[in-house]
């Protein structure tokens, strides 16, 4: 059995809230595109650049942790 990965949303895209900037319990940054492409590990410098973009909003509120299998998926487009 694979270990469960827990992630904390740090920010989300203004126009597509299924797209998330995340950090895991080891401090590694990830992107979640809200589709079936899976979790993408990114460098801290890229995470910082993304976080500073005007279309990115910080995820305010309690710092909740989520199992990777419970992250949101956008509806499939036909």
N, C-alpha and C. Protein backbone atom coordinates (compact mmCIF):
# COMPACT_ATOMS: atom_id res chain seq x y z
N UNK A 1 0.84 -1.18 0.00
CA UNK A 1 0.00 0.00 0.00
C UNK A 1 0.89 1.24 0.00
N UNK A 2 0.58 2.19 -0.86
CA UNK A 2 1.35 3.42 -0.94
C UNK A 2 0.97 4.36 0.19
N UNK A 3 1.93 5.14 0.69
CA UNK A 3 1.58 6.11 1.74
C UNK A 3 0.68 7.20 1.17
N UNK A 4 -0.19 7.72 1.99
CA UNK A 4 -1.09 8.80 1.59
C UNK A 4 -0.34 10.11 1.60
N UNK A 5 -0.54 10.91 0.57
CA UNK A 5 0.06 12.23 0.49
C UNK A 5 -0.97 13.26 0.91
N UNK A 6 -0.61 14.09 1.86
CA UNK A 6 -1.50 15.16 2.31
C UNK A 6 -0.96 16.49 1.80
N UNK A 7 -1.88 17.34 1.35
CA UNK A 7 -1.53 18.62 0.75
C UNK A 7 -2.35 19.73 1.37
N UNK A 8 -1.74 20.92 1.39
CA UNK A 8 -2.41 22.11 1.90
C UNK A 8 -2.53 23.12 0.76
N UNK A 9 -3.75 23.53 0.38
CA UNK A 9 -3.89 24.56 -0.64
C UNK A 9 -3.30 25.88 -0.16
N UNK A 10 -2.49 26.49 -1.00
CA UNK A 10 -1.87 27.77 -0.69
C UNK A 10 -2.53 28.88 -1.49
N UNK A 11 -2.92 28.57 -2.73
CA UNK A 11 -3.55 29.57 -3.60
C UNK A 11 -4.35 28.85 -4.68
N UNK A 12 -5.24 29.63 -5.33
CA UNK A 12 -6.05 29.09 -6.41
C UNK A 12 -6.18 30.11 -7.52
N UNK A 13 -6.54 29.64 -8.71
CA UNK A 13 -6.68 30.51 -9.89
C UNK A 13 -8.00 31.26 -9.82
N UNK A 14 -7.94 32.54 -10.12
CA UNK A 14 -9.12 33.41 -10.04
C UNK A 14 -10.30 32.92 -10.88
N UNK A 15 -10.03 32.45 -12.08
CA UNK A 15 -11.09 32.06 -13.00
C UNK A 15 -11.38 30.57 -13.03
N UNK A 16 -10.57 29.78 -12.35
CA UNK A 16 -10.75 28.33 -12.35
C UNK A 16 -10.28 27.80 -11.01
N UNK A 17 -11.18 27.77 -10.03
CA UNK A 17 -10.82 27.42 -8.65
C UNK A 17 -10.39 25.97 -8.48
N UNK A 18 -10.54 25.13 -9.52
CA UNK A 18 -10.04 23.76 -9.46
C UNK A 18 -8.52 23.70 -9.65
N UNK A 19 -7.93 24.78 -10.11
CA UNK A 19 -6.47 24.85 -10.30
C UNK A 19 -5.85 25.40 -9.03
N UNK A 20 -5.00 24.59 -8.40
CA UNK A 20 -4.47 24.92 -7.07
C UNK A 20 -2.95 24.92 -7.04
N UNK A 21 -2.40 25.79 -6.20
CA UNK A 21 -1.00 25.75 -5.81
C UNK A 21 -0.99 25.14 -4.42
N UNK A 22 -0.26 24.05 -4.25
CA UNK A 22 -0.31 23.26 -3.02
C UNK A 22 1.08 23.05 -2.45
N UNK A 23 1.11 22.74 -1.17
CA UNK A 23 2.35 22.37 -0.50
C UNK A 23 2.08 21.10 0.29
N UNK A 24 3.01 20.13 0.21
CA UNK A 24 2.78 18.88 0.94
C UNK A 24 3.42 18.92 2.32
N UNK A 25 3.25 17.83 3.07
CA UNK A 25 3.72 17.79 4.45
C UNK A 25 5.24 17.83 4.56
N UNK A 26 5.95 17.58 3.46
CA UNK A 26 7.41 17.67 3.45
C UNK A 26 7.90 19.05 3.01
N UNK A 27 6.96 19.94 2.64
CA UNK A 27 7.32 21.28 2.20
C UNK A 27 7.56 21.39 0.71
N UNK A 28 7.21 20.36 -0.04
CA UNK A 28 7.39 20.36 -1.50
C UNK A 28 6.16 20.99 -2.15
N UNK A 29 6.41 21.85 -3.15
CA UNK A 29 5.35 22.55 -3.87
C UNK A 29 4.81 21.69 -5.00
N UNK A 30 3.49 21.85 -5.27
CA UNK A 30 2.82 21.10 -6.33
C UNK A 30 1.79 21.99 -7.01
N UNK A 31 1.51 21.64 -8.26
CA UNK A 31 0.39 22.23 -8.99
C UNK A 31 -0.66 21.16 -9.20
N UNK A 32 -1.90 21.55 -9.09
CA UNK A 32 -3.05 20.69 -9.37
C UNK A 32 -3.88 21.42 -10.41
N UNK A 33 -4.03 20.81 -11.59
CA UNK A 33 -4.73 21.47 -12.69
C UNK A 33 -6.23 21.20 -12.71
N UNK A 34 -6.72 20.35 -11.83
CA UNK A 34 -8.14 20.08 -11.77
C UNK A 34 -8.62 19.13 -12.85
N UNK A 35 -7.68 18.47 -13.52
CA UNK A 35 -8.05 17.48 -14.53
C UNK A 35 -7.41 16.15 -14.13
N UNK A 36 -7.28 15.27 -15.05
CA UNK A 36 -6.74 13.95 -14.73
C UNK A 36 -5.23 13.86 -14.97
N UNK A 37 -4.56 15.00 -15.06
CA UNK A 37 -3.10 14.99 -15.29
C UNK A 37 -2.32 14.67 -14.02
N UNK A 38 -2.97 14.73 -12.88
CA UNK A 38 -2.31 14.38 -11.63
C UNK A 38 -1.57 15.55 -10.99
N UNK A 39 -0.89 15.25 -9.94
CA UNK A 39 -0.15 16.22 -9.15
C UNK A 39 1.20 16.47 -9.82
N UNK A 40 1.59 17.74 -9.97
CA UNK A 40 2.87 18.08 -10.59
C UNK A 40 3.77 18.77 -9.56
N UNK A 41 4.90 18.17 -9.28
CA UNK A 41 5.87 18.77 -8.37
C UNK A 41 6.57 19.92 -9.09
N UNK A 42 6.73 21.06 -8.40
CA UNK A 42 7.40 22.21 -9.00
C UNK A 42 8.46 22.75 -8.04
N UNK A 43 9.38 23.50 -8.59
CA UNK A 43 10.45 24.12 -7.80
C UNK A 43 9.90 25.30 -7.00
N UNK A 44 10.50 25.60 -5.84
CA UNK A 44 10.03 26.73 -5.03
C UNK A 44 10.04 28.06 -5.77
N UNK A 45 11.00 28.26 -6.65
CA UNK A 45 11.06 29.52 -7.42
C UNK A 45 9.85 29.67 -8.34
N UNK A 46 9.44 28.58 -8.97
CA UNK A 46 8.26 28.62 -9.83
C UNK A 46 7.01 28.83 -8.99
N UNK A 47 6.92 28.19 -7.84
CA UNK A 47 5.77 28.37 -6.94
C UNK A 47 5.66 29.83 -6.51
N UNK A 48 6.79 30.45 -6.20
CA UNK A 48 6.80 31.86 -5.82
C UNK A 48 6.32 32.74 -6.96
N UNK A 49 6.78 32.47 -8.17
CA UNK A 49 6.37 33.25 -9.35
C UNK A 49 4.87 33.10 -9.58
N UNK A 50 4.36 31.87 -9.52
CA UNK A 50 2.94 31.63 -9.71
C UNK A 50 2.13 32.37 -8.63
N UNK A 51 2.57 32.28 -7.38
CA UNK A 51 1.86 32.90 -6.27
C UNK A 51 1.72 34.41 -6.45
N UNK A 52 2.69 35.03 -7.09
CA UNK A 52 2.68 36.49 -7.28
C UNK A 52 1.90 36.96 -8.51
N UNK A 53 1.39 36.04 -9.30
CA UNK A 53 0.63 36.41 -10.50
C UNK A 53 -0.69 37.06 -10.08
N UNK A 54 -1.18 38.04 -10.86
CA UNK A 54 -2.43 38.73 -10.50
C UNK A 54 -3.67 37.85 -10.57
N UNK A 55 -3.63 36.77 -11.35
CA UNK A 55 -4.80 35.89 -11.45
C UNK A 55 -4.83 34.81 -10.37
N UNK A 56 -3.90 34.86 -9.44
CA UNK A 56 -3.82 33.88 -8.36
C UNK A 56 -4.26 34.53 -7.05
N UNK A 57 -5.16 33.87 -6.34
CA UNK A 57 -5.63 34.35 -5.04
C UNK A 57 -5.12 33.45 -3.93
N UNK A 58 -4.69 34.03 -2.82
CA UNK A 58 -4.28 33.19 -1.67
C UNK A 58 -5.49 32.42 -1.12
N UNK A 59 -5.23 31.25 -0.62
CA UNK A 59 -6.26 30.44 0.02
C UNK A 59 -6.32 30.85 1.49
N UNK A 60 -7.24 31.75 1.81
CA UNK A 60 -7.38 32.24 3.18
C UNK A 60 -8.13 31.23 4.01
N UNK A 61 -8.13 31.45 5.30
CA UNK A 61 -8.88 30.59 6.20
C UNK A 61 -8.00 29.57 6.88
N UNK A 62 -8.62 28.60 7.50
CA UNK A 62 -7.84 27.58 8.22
C UNK A 62 -6.93 26.82 7.26
N UNK A 63 -5.78 26.45 7.73
CA UNK A 63 -4.82 25.70 6.93
C UNK A 63 -5.19 24.22 6.96
N UNK A 64 -6.13 23.83 6.13
CA UNK A 64 -6.62 22.45 6.12
C UNK A 64 -5.73 21.60 5.22
N UNK A 65 -5.59 20.34 5.57
CA UNK A 65 -4.81 19.38 4.80
C UNK A 65 -5.77 18.40 4.14
N UNK A 66 -5.47 18.04 2.89
CA UNK A 66 -6.33 17.14 2.13
C UNK A 66 -5.52 15.96 1.60
N UNK A 67 -6.17 14.81 1.57
CA UNK A 67 -5.62 13.65 0.89
C UNK A 67 -5.65 13.96 -0.60
N UNK A 68 -4.63 13.56 -1.33
CA UNK A 68 -4.55 13.86 -2.76
C UNK A 68 -5.76 13.33 -3.52
N UNK A 69 -6.38 12.27 -3.06
CA UNK A 69 -7.55 11.72 -3.75
C UNK A 69 -8.81 12.56 -3.56
N UNK A 70 -8.79 13.53 -2.65
CA UNK A 70 -9.97 14.35 -2.42
C UNK A 70 -9.87 15.74 -3.05
N UNK A 71 -8.85 15.99 -3.86
CA UNK A 71 -8.73 17.28 -4.54
C UNK A 71 -9.80 17.40 -5.62
N UNK A 72 -10.25 18.63 -5.92
CA UNK A 72 -11.35 18.81 -6.87
C UNK A 72 -10.96 18.50 -8.31
N UNK A 73 -11.92 17.99 -9.05
CA UNK A 73 -11.75 17.77 -10.48
C UNK A 73 -12.79 18.58 -11.22
N UNK A 74 -12.36 19.28 -12.26
CA UNK A 74 -13.28 20.05 -13.09
C UNK A 74 -14.15 19.08 -13.89
N UNK A 75 -15.38 19.48 -14.21
CA UNK A 75 -16.21 18.61 -15.04
C UNK A 75 -15.54 18.38 -16.40
N UNK A 76 -15.68 17.20 -16.94
CA UNK A 76 -15.11 16.89 -18.25
C UNK A 76 -15.83 17.69 -19.31
N UNK A 77 -15.06 18.28 -20.21
CA UNK A 77 -15.64 19.05 -21.31
C UNK A 77 -15.69 18.18 -22.56
N UNK A 78 -16.80 18.21 -23.24
CA UNK A 78 -16.97 17.38 -24.44
C UNK A 78 -16.62 18.19 -25.66
